[in-house]
Amino acid sequence: MGMKNHDLVPIPLIVSLSNLRHGGVHKILSDLLRDKLVSHERKVYDGYRLTYLGYDFLALRSMMKRGNVVSVGRKIGVGKESDIYIVQNEEGEELALKLQRLGRISFRAIKQKRDYLGKRQSASWMYMSRLAAIKEFAFMKALHDAGFSVPRPVDQNRHCVLMSLAKGIPLYQITEYDAVPQLYDAMMEMVVDLARHGLIHGDFNEFNLILDESTRALTLIDFPQMVSTSHENAEMYFDRDVECVARFFRRRFNYERTEKPRLSDITNEFKLDRSVQASGFSAEDEQLLLEVGETWKLEGRWRISRSKKKKTRGTKTKTKTKTKRERRLAKKRETEKLGKLGKRKVRKANSPSKMKMKMKRTKKKKRGKMMRTKKMKRMTLMMMMMMMKKKKKKRKKFV
């Protein structure tokens, strides 16, 4: 409740929302902090923030109340934006639980680069993860009802999506296949069939397809970047999906075709994009996630190009292979430079002004030591005199 309007929720607000005593709230917060369900910060003011682990607990608790999740198994998939676990329901059926993790690795600079939030002044990564989960569940339900080969949607809460397990192997793990032309046709037909229903996947590649080798059926997964054919950049997204398929077959199986489908040649027979918007996922939410994904892709490309070569003004850099002799000469130059720098530092350290400062410091230290020794001597003498007086008094008494 508090994180709707606060990045850090102050303790007085937590007390008022929880209707608990101040001491009881502190005890509960310390327990949650120990289990890493919340994080504590004191930068601007003293407050607490919900972590992804705490968000996971809230979503799983609501799914367990419905009876859709009883036990959680091993992790079967890790991505840039999500984690996937095997879970079981009350009937003992194994399902796949997808936890959205936007902001973990990708989408870091989106809040600084673009004002895509509209009236909303800020949005947390948890809010955007929830939007991604709502979108994926809505598109999955619409495609499943239309007869597409997608996992069966079961439940959705916060940033979690519960679905049936897809049988088969991810397509990127397959290195050899006996029916490559048929597989190529099946993938292109799926892209075209989606366009007929008014949808474009936006990330149609070998990482989002699962192939069942026994039935040779393809299952499509991962829908957060799916867009409508009525989008202003729909043709660009469609051509990108087609090029991803062609590139995969060209690199993996050395198979290529000249003819490729075009969006202008496809007629929209059905409009699933409208049914998705009617289910609760608005066009504003779609635009938000779409811009986030596009900026991430642009950032990723920039990082790769930046690491490969350095850019200069108006000139193209050419990578040259250095010989052993050139490497040795470069090392010698570096060592000579370091030696010169070291000599300069020594000269600066031995300058007359710095030598005077050192002399003053040493004199002060010596004076301090002398004063300490004089004080110690005086103290010892005083103690000796006191002891002598006490001894004399004792002798007089005995006499």
Protein backbone atom coordinates (compact mmCIF):
# COMPACT_ATOMS: atom_id res chain seq x y z
CA MET A 1 0.00 0.00 0.00
CA GLY A 2 2.70 2.49 1.01
CA MET A 3 4.89 1.88 -2.06
CA LYS A 4 2.19 3.25 -4.39
CA ASN A 5 3.20 6.80 -3.42
CA HIS A 6 6.55 6.28 -1.65
CA ASP A 7 9.87 4.93 -2.79
CA LEU A 8 10.82 4.47 0.88
CA VAL A 9 7.89 3.94 3.26
CA PRO A 10 8.45 5.75 6.59
CA ILE A 11 7.79 3.94 9.86
CA PRO A 12 4.86 6.20 10.96
CA LEU A 13 3.04 5.37 7.72
CA ILE A 14 3.72 1.64 8.23
CA VAL A 15 2.28 1.92 11.76
CA SER A 16 -0.88 3.69 10.52
CA LEU A 17 -1.44 1.21 7.66
CA SER A 18 -0.82 -1.92 9.74
CA ASN A 19 -2.93 -0.80 12.76
CA LEU A 20 -0.30 -2.23 15.10
CA ARG A 21 1.63 -0.80 18.05
CA HIS A 22 4.92 0.97 17.39
CA GLY A 23 6.97 -1.66 19.23
CA GLY A 24 5.22 -4.54 17.47
CA VAL A 25 5.88 -2.97 14.06
CA HIS A 26 9.59 -2.66 14.84
CA LYS A 27 9.78 -6.31 15.84
CA ILE A 28 7.98 -7.46 12.66
CA LEU A 29 10.18 -5.23 10.48
CA SER A 30 13.35 -6.63 12.06
CA ASP A 31 12.13 -10.18 11.29
CA LEU A 32 11.32 -9.24 7.68
CA LEU A 33 14.69 -7.52 7.34
CA ARG A 34 16.46 -10.63 8.63
CA ASP A 35 14.72 -12.76 5.97
CA LYS A 36 15.53 -10.13 3.27
CA LEU A 37 11.86 -9.54 2.48
CA VAL A 38 12.33 -5.78 2.96
CA SER A 39 15.33 -3.45 2.79
CA HIS A 40 16.14 -0.61 5.20
CA GLU A 41 17.62 2.76 4.13
CA ARG A 42 18.45 6.01 5.92
CA LYS A 43 19.68 8.23 3.07
CA VAL A 44 16.88 10.80 2.82
CA TYR A 45 14.81 9.58 5.78
CA ASP A 46 14.35 6.41 7.79
CA GLY A 47 12.21 4.03 5.73
CA TYR A 48 11.71 0.54 4.33
CA ARG A 49 11.33 -0.81 0.80
CA LEU A 50 9.81 -4.11 -0.38
CA THR A 51 12.30 -6.41 -2.12
CA TYR A 52 11.62 -8.79 -5.01
CA LEU A 53 11.77 -11.69 -2.54
CA GLY A 54 9.02 -10.10 -0.46
CA TYR A 55 7.00 -9.47 -3.61
CA ASP A 56 7.43 -13.16 -4.49
CA PHE A 57 6.08 -14.17 -1.07
CA LEU A 58 2.98 -11.99 -1.46
CA ALA A 59 2.20 -13.39 -4.94
CA LEU A 60 2.79 -17.01 -3.87
CA ARG A 61 0.60 -16.53 -0.78
CA SER A 62 -2.37 -15.42 -2.90
CA MET A 63 -1.83 -18.31 -5.36
CA MET A 64 -1.64 -20.79 -2.49
CA LYS A 65 -4.94 -19.48 -1.12
CA ARG A 66 -6.55 -20.22 -4.49
CA GLY A 67 -5.05 -23.72 -4.48
CA ASN A 68 -3.06 -23.20 -7.69
CA VAL A 69 0.34 -23.55 -5.97
CA VAL A 70 1.06 -26.01 -3.18
CA SER A 71 4.81 -26.63 -3.49
CA VAL A 72 7.71 -24.98 -5.33
CA GLY A 73 10.39 -27.06 -7.03
CA ARG A 74 13.67 -26.37 -8.80
CA LYS A 75 14.52 -23.48 -11.08
CA ILE A 76 14.31 -24.50 -14.75
CA GLY A 77 15.05 -21.18 -16.45
CA VAL A 78 16.91 -17.92 -15.79
CA GLY A 79 16.68 -14.91 -18.07
CA LYS A 80 17.50 -11.21 -18.08
CA GLU A 81 13.95 -10.30 -17.09
CA SER A 82 12.50 -13.44 -15.44
CA ASP A 83 13.03 -16.63 -13.43
CA ILE A 84 11.03 -19.83 -14.06
CA TYR A 85 10.30 -22.53 -11.44
CA ILE A 86 8.46 -25.85 -11.46
CA VAL A 87 5.48 -25.86 -9.05
CA GLN A 88 2.64 -28.23 -8.17
CA ASN A 89 -1.04 -27.55 -7.60
CA GLU A 90 -3.52 -29.33 -5.32
CA GLU A 91 -4.17 -32.04 -7.91
CA GLY A 92 -0.43 -32.84 -8.20
CA GLU A 93 -0.07 -31.38 -11.71
CA GLU A 94 3.32 -29.82 -12.51
CA LEU A 95 3.14 -26.22 -13.76
CA ALA A 96 5.59 -23.49 -14.70
CA LEU A 97 5.76 -20.34 -12.55
CA LYS A 98 7.33 -17.30 -14.21
CA LEU A 99 8.54 -14.45 -11.99
CA GLN A 100 9.18 -11.18 -13.84
CA ARG A 101 12.42 -9.42 -12.84
CA LEU A 102 12.52 -6.17 -14.81
CA GLY A 103 15.40 -3.93 -13.78
CA ARG A 104 17.70 -6.74 -12.63
CA ILE A 105 20.09 -6.57 -15.60
CA SER A 106 18.33 -4.85 -18.46
CA PHE A 107 16.26 -1.64 -18.71
CA ARG A 108 18.55 0.32 -16.36
CA ALA A 109 18.52 3.79 -18.00
CA ILE A 110 14.88 3.94 -19.16
CA LYS A 111 13.71 6.22 -16.33
CA GLN A 112 16.42 8.80 -17.11
CA LYS A 113 16.14 8.76 -20.92
CA ARG A 114 12.41 8.94 -21.66
CA ASP A 115 9.31 10.38 -20.01
CA TYR A 116 6.99 7.45 -20.80
CA LEU A 117 5.03 7.49 -17.53
CA GLY A 118 2.57 10.27 -18.42
CA LYS A 119 0.90 11.69 -15.31
CA ARG A 120 2.76 9.23 -13.12
CA GLN A 121 5.91 10.91 -11.78
CA SER A 122 7.75 7.68 -10.93
CA ALA A 123 7.37 3.96 -11.39
CA SER A 124 9.25 1.18 -9.66
CA TRP A 125 10.63 -1.89 -11.40
CA MET A 126 8.07 -3.94 -9.48
CA TYR A 127 5.26 -1.94 -11.05
CA MET A 128 6.68 -2.53 -14.53
CA SER A 129 7.21 -6.23 -13.74
CA ARG A 130 3.54 -6.41 -12.76
CA LEU A 131 2.58 -4.77 -16.08
CA ALA A 132 4.72 -7.31 -17.97
CA ALA A 133 3.00 -10.18 -16.14
CA ILE A 134 -0.48 -8.77 -16.86
CA LYS A 135 0.38 -8.35 -20.53
CA GLU A 136 1.85 -11.83 -20.88
CA PHE A 137 -1.14 -13.47 -19.20
CA ALA A 138 -3.63 -11.48 -21.33
CA PHE A 139 -1.90 -12.33 -24.63
CA MET A 140 -1.39 -15.96 -23.62
CA LYS A 141 -5.08 -16.34 -22.79
CA ALA A 142 -6.17 -14.71 -26.06
CA LEU A 143 -3.81 -16.87 -28.16
CA HIS A 144 -4.74 -20.07 -26.30
CA ASP A 145 -8.46 -19.41 -26.83
CA ALA A 146 -7.77 -18.75 -30.53
CA GLY A 147 -6.11 -22.16 -30.91
CA PHE A 148 -2.44 -21.17 -31.03
CA SER A 149 0.24 -23.51 -29.72
CA VAL A 150 1.06 -21.65 -26.50
CA PRO A 151 1.18 -22.76 -22.82
CA ARG A 152 -2.18 -22.92 -21.06
CA PRO A 153 -2.58 -19.90 -18.75
CA VAL A 154 -3.63 -20.85 -15.21
CA ASP A 155 -3.24 -17.84 -12.90
CA GLN A 156 -1.62 -14.42 -12.56
CA ASN A 157 -0.90 -12.35 -9.47
CA ARG A 158 1.32 -9.27 -9.20
CA HIS A 159 4.49 -10.09 -11.20
CA CYS A 160 3.93 -13.88 -11.35
CA VAL A 161 2.40 -15.86 -14.21
CA LEU A 162 1.36 -19.49 -13.74
CA MET A 163 1.10 -21.65 -16.86
CA SER A 164 1.30 -25.24 -18.04
CA LEU A 165 4.66 -26.82 -18.82
CA ALA A 166 5.55 -26.87 -22.52
CA LYS A 167 6.82 -30.26 -23.69
CA GLY A 168 9.99 -30.35 -25.75
CA ILE A 169 13.43 -28.76 -26.10
CA PRO A 170 14.24 -25.07 -26.66
CA LEU A 171 14.96 -24.51 -30.34
CA TYR A 172 18.38 -22.90 -29.72
CA GLN A 173 19.63 -26.21 -28.26
CA ILE A 174 18.94 -28.16 -31.47
CA THR A 175 22.00 -28.43 -33.72
CA GLU A 176 20.81 -31.06 -36.23
CA TYR A 177 17.36 -31.64 -37.70
CA ASP A 178 16.24 -33.91 -40.54
CA ALA A 179 13.30 -31.76 -41.74
CA VAL A 180 14.73 -28.24 -41.93
CA PRO A 181 12.44 -26.90 -44.74
CA GLN A 182 9.32 -28.07 -42.90
CA LEU A 183 10.53 -26.41 -39.69
CA TYR A 184 11.23 -23.18 -41.58
CA ASP A 185 7.72 -23.24 -43.08
CA ALA A 186 6.13 -23.90 -39.67
CA MET A 187 7.92 -20.91 -38.09
CA MET A 188 7.06 -18.55 -40.94
CA GLU A 189 3.45 -19.74 -40.89
CA MET A 190 3.26 -18.95 -37.18
CA VAL A 191 4.53 -15.41 -37.78
CA VAL A 192 2.00 -14.89 -40.61
CA ASP A 193 -0.85 -16.47 -38.61
CA LEU A 194 -0.18 -14.09 -35.72
CA ALA A 195 -0.35 -11.15 -38.15
CA ARG A 196 -3.68 -12.45 -39.50
CA HIS A 197 -5.03 -12.27 -35.96
CA GLY A 198 -3.78 -8.68 -35.60
CA LEU A 199 -0.67 -9.41 -33.50
CA ILE A 200 3.13 -9.30 -33.92
CA HIS A 201 5.33 -11.14 -31.44
CA GLY A 202 8.16 -8.58 -31.41
CA ASP A 203 10.79 -11.09 -30.21
CA PHE A 204 10.20 -14.15 -32.41
CA ASN A 205 13.46 -16.13 -32.26
CA GLU A 206 14.89 -19.54 -31.33
CA PHE A 207 15.00 -18.64 -27.62
CA ASN A 208 11.21 -18.23 -27.42
CA LEU A 209 10.23 -21.44 -29.24
CA ILE A 210 10.05 -25.00 -27.87
CA LEU A 211 10.12 -27.98 -30.26
CA ASP A 212 8.55 -31.32 -29.35
CA GLU A 213 10.65 -33.88 -31.26
CA SER A 214 8.04 -36.64 -30.99
CA THR A 215 5.14 -34.64 -32.51
CA ARG A 216 7.35 -31.98 -34.21
CA ALA A 217 5.06 -29.28 -32.83
CA LEU A 218 6.31 -25.77 -31.98
CA THR A 219 5.22 -23.96 -28.79
CA LEU A 220 5.53 -20.19 -28.59
CA ILE A 221 6.46 -18.56 -25.26
CA ASP A 222 7.33 -15.12 -23.84
CA PHE A 223 4.87 -12.36 -24.87
CA PRO A 224 5.79 -9.10 -23.02
CA GLN A 225 6.90 -7.36 -26.26
CA MET A 226 3.93 -8.36 -28.42
CA VAL A 227 2.29 -5.48 -30.30
CA SER A 228 -0.75 -4.90 -32.52
CA THR A 229 -0.64 -4.74 -36.33
CA SER A 230 -2.21 -1.29 -36.06
CA HIS A 231 0.93 0.01 -34.31
CA GLU A 232 2.83 2.77 -36.15
CA ASN A 233 6.01 0.63 -36.27
CA ALA A 234 4.21 -2.66 -36.94
CA GLU A 235 5.97 -3.27 -40.28
CA MET A 236 9.39 -2.82 -38.68
CA TYR A 237 8.56 -5.32 -35.90
CA PHE A 238 7.18 -7.82 -38.41
CA ASP A 239 10.26 -7.58 -40.66
CA ARG A 240 12.49 -8.00 -37.62
CA ASP A 241 10.73 -11.22 -36.60
CA VAL A 242 11.03 -12.59 -40.15
CA GLU A 243 14.72 -11.66 -40.28
CA CYS A 244 15.34 -13.40 -36.92
CA VAL A 245 13.93 -16.66 -38.33
CA ALA A 246 15.92 -16.34 -41.57
CA ARG A 247 19.15 -15.56 -39.70
CA PHE A 248 18.75 -18.57 -37.40
CA PHE A 249 18.31 -21.01 -40.31
CA ARG A 250 21.14 -19.40 -42.26
CA ARG A 251 23.62 -19.71 -39.40
CA ARG A 252 22.52 -23.00 -37.84
CA PHE A 253 21.45 -25.13 -40.83
CA ASN A 254 22.95 -23.17 -43.77
CA TYR A 255 19.43 -22.90 -45.21
CA GLU A 256 18.07 -19.78 -46.88
CA ARG A 257 15.14 -18.66 -49.04
CA THR A 258 14.79 -15.55 -51.14
CA GLU A 259 11.04 -15.12 -50.72
CA LYS A 260 9.94 -13.75 -47.35
CA PRO A 261 6.46 -12.78 -46.11
CA ARG A 262 5.46 -9.11 -45.92
CA LEU A 263 2.97 -7.44 -43.62
CA SER A 264 1.34 -5.52 -46.48
CA ASP A 265 0.35 -8.82 -48.16
CA ILE A 266 -1.47 -10.14 -45.05
CA THR A 267 -5.12 -9.36 -44.32
CA ASN A 268 -6.39 -9.08 -40.75
CA GLU A 269 -9.07 -11.73 -40.41
CA PHE A 270 -9.32 -11.53 -36.60
CA LYS A 271 -8.46 -8.80 -34.12
CA LEU A 272 -7.11 -10.32 -30.93
CA ASP A 273 -5.44 -7.04 -29.97
CA ARG A 274 -8.85 -5.54 -29.16
CA SER A 275 -9.81 -8.49 -26.97
CA VAL A 276 -6.53 -8.12 -25.06
CA GLN A 277 -7.19 -4.42 -24.42
CA ALA A 278 -10.71 -5.31 -23.25
CA SER A 279 -9.26 -7.79 -20.72
CA GLY A 280 -7.63 -5.00 -18.68
CA PHE A 281 -4.27 -4.36 -20.36
CA SER A 282 -4.52 -0.84 -21.79
CA ALA A 283 -2.73 0.74 -24.74
CA GLU A 284 -0.80 3.04 -22.36
CA ASP A 285 0.61 0.03 -20.51
CA GLU A 286 1.57 -1.56 -23.82
CA GLN A 287 3.39 1.60 -24.93
CA LEU A 288 5.23 1.76 -21.60
CA LEU A 289 6.59 -1.78 -21.84
CA LEU A 290 7.33 -1.42 -25.55
CA GLU A 291 9.48 1.67 -25.02
CA VAL A 292 11.28 -0.02 -22.14
CA GLY A 293 12.13 -3.02 -24.32
CA GLU A 294 13.25 -0.91 -27.27
CA THR A 295 15.59 1.24 -25.15
CA TRP A 296 17.09 -1.92 -23.65
CA LYS A 297 17.84 -3.27 -27.14
CA LEU A 298 19.40 0.01 -28.20
CA GLU A 299 21.52 0.07 -25.03
CA GLY A 300 22.65 -3.50 -25.63
CA ARG A 301 23.71 -2.71 -29.19
CA TRP A 302 25.56 0.40 -28.02
CA ARG A 303 27.48 -1.56 -25.41
CA ILE A 304 28.56 -4.21 -27.93
CA SER A 305 29.72 -1.63 -30.49
CA ARG A 306 31.48 0.39 -27.76
CA SER A 307 33.41 -2.63 -26.52
CA LYS A 308 34.47 -3.74 -30.01
CA LYS A 309 35.87 -0.43 -31.28
CA LYS A 310 36.45 3.14 -30.14
CA LYS A 311 34.67 5.92 -31.98
CA THR A 312 36.53 9.00 -33.25
CA ARG A 313 35.31 12.23 -34.81
CA GLY A 314 34.68 11.75 -38.53
CA THR A 315 37.13 8.84 -38.94
CA LYS A 316 36.70 5.10 -38.86
CA THR A 317 39.14 3.15 -36.72
CA LYS A 318 40.90 0.15 -38.17
CA THR A 319 42.08 -2.67 -35.94
CA LYS A 320 45.77 -3.54 -36.58
CA THR A 321 47.54 -6.68 -35.41
CA LYS A 322 50.79 -5.85 -33.57
CA THR A 323 53.94 -7.93 -33.96
CA LYS A 324 56.07 -9.16 -31.05
CA ARG A 325 58.69 -6.45 -31.66
CA GLU A 326 56.06 -3.69 -31.55
CA ARG A 327 54.65 -5.10 -28.31
CA ARG A 328 58.12 -5.12 -26.71
CA LEU A 329 58.77 -1.53 -27.79
CA ALA A 330 55.40 -0.45 -26.40
CA LYS A 331 56.16 -2.12 -23.05
CA LYS A 332 59.58 -0.39 -22.90
CA ARG A 333 57.96 2.99 -23.56
CA GLU A 334 55.43 2.40 -20.82
CA THR A 335 58.15 1.45 -18.31
CA GLU A 336 60.24 4.52 -19.28
CA LYS A 337 57.21 6.76 -18.82
CA LEU A 338 56.51 5.25 -15.41
CA GLY A 339 60.15 5.75 -14.43
CA LYS A 340 60.07 9.40 -15.42
CA LEU A 341 56.88 9.93 -13.49
CA GLY A 342 58.45 8.31 -10.43
CA LYS A 343 61.50 10.61 -10.64
CA ARG A 344 59.26 13.65 -10.92
CA LYS A 345 57.38 12.60 -7.82
CA VAL A 346 60.67 12.17 -5.90
CA ARG A 347 61.87 15.58 -7.02
CA LYS A 348 58.61 17.18 -5.92
CA ALA A 349 58.87 15.41 -2.58
CA ASN A 350 62.47 16.69 -2.09
CA SER A 351 61.64 20.32 -2.97
CA PRO A 352 62.88 22.98 -0.45
CA SER A 353 59.39 24.05 0.67
CA LYS A 354 58.41 20.47 1.45
CA MET A 355 61.73 19.83 3.22
CA LYS A 356 61.07 22.84 5.48
CA MET A 357 57.64 21.50 6.33
CA LYS A 358 59.14 18.13 7.18
CA MET A 359 61.73 19.77 9.44
CA LYS A 360 59.02 21.69 11.28
CA ARG A 361 57.02 18.50 11.78
CA THR A 362 60.01 16.60 13.10
CA LYS A 363 60.88 19.46 15.49
CA LYS A 364 57.31 19.51 16.81
CA LYS A 365 57.44 15.76 17.34
CA LYS A 366 60.75 16.01 19.20
CA ARG A 367 59.44 18.83 21.39
CA GLY A 368 56.40 16.78 22.21
CA LYS A 369 58.53 13.80 23.13
CA MET A 370 60.79 15.99 25.30
CA MET A 371 57.84 17.50 27.10
CA ARG A 372 56.39 14.06 27.71
CA THR A 373 59.68 12.76 29.09
CA LYS A 374 60.06 15.84 31.38
CA LYS A 375 56.52 15.36 32.69
CA MET A 376 57.18 11.67 33.31
CA LYS A 377 60.38 12.49 35.20
CA ARG A 378 58.59 15.06 37.36
CA MET A 379 55.83 12.62 38.10
CA THR A 380 58.28 9.87 39.07
CA LEU A 381 60.21 12.27 41.33
CA MET A 382 57.02 13.34 43.04
CA MET A 383 56.02 9.75 43.61
CA MET A 384 59.46 8.95 45.05
CA MET A 385 59.27 11.92 47.44
CA MET A 386 55.83 10.81 48.65
CA MET A 387 57.08 7.28 49.28
CA MET A 388 60.09 8.58 51.24
CA LYS A 389 57.86 10.76 53.46
CA LYS A 390 55.57 7.80 54.26
CA LYS A 391 58.54 5.65 55.25
CA LYS A 392 59.91 8.36 57.59
CA LYS A 393 56.55 8.68 59.37
CA LYS A 394 56.42 4.93 59.98
CA ARG A 395 59.91 4.91 61.49
CA LYS A 396 59.04 7.72 63.94
CA LYS A 397 56.01 5.80 65.17
CA PHE A 398 58.09 2.69 65.93
CA VAL A 399 60.67 4.74 67.83
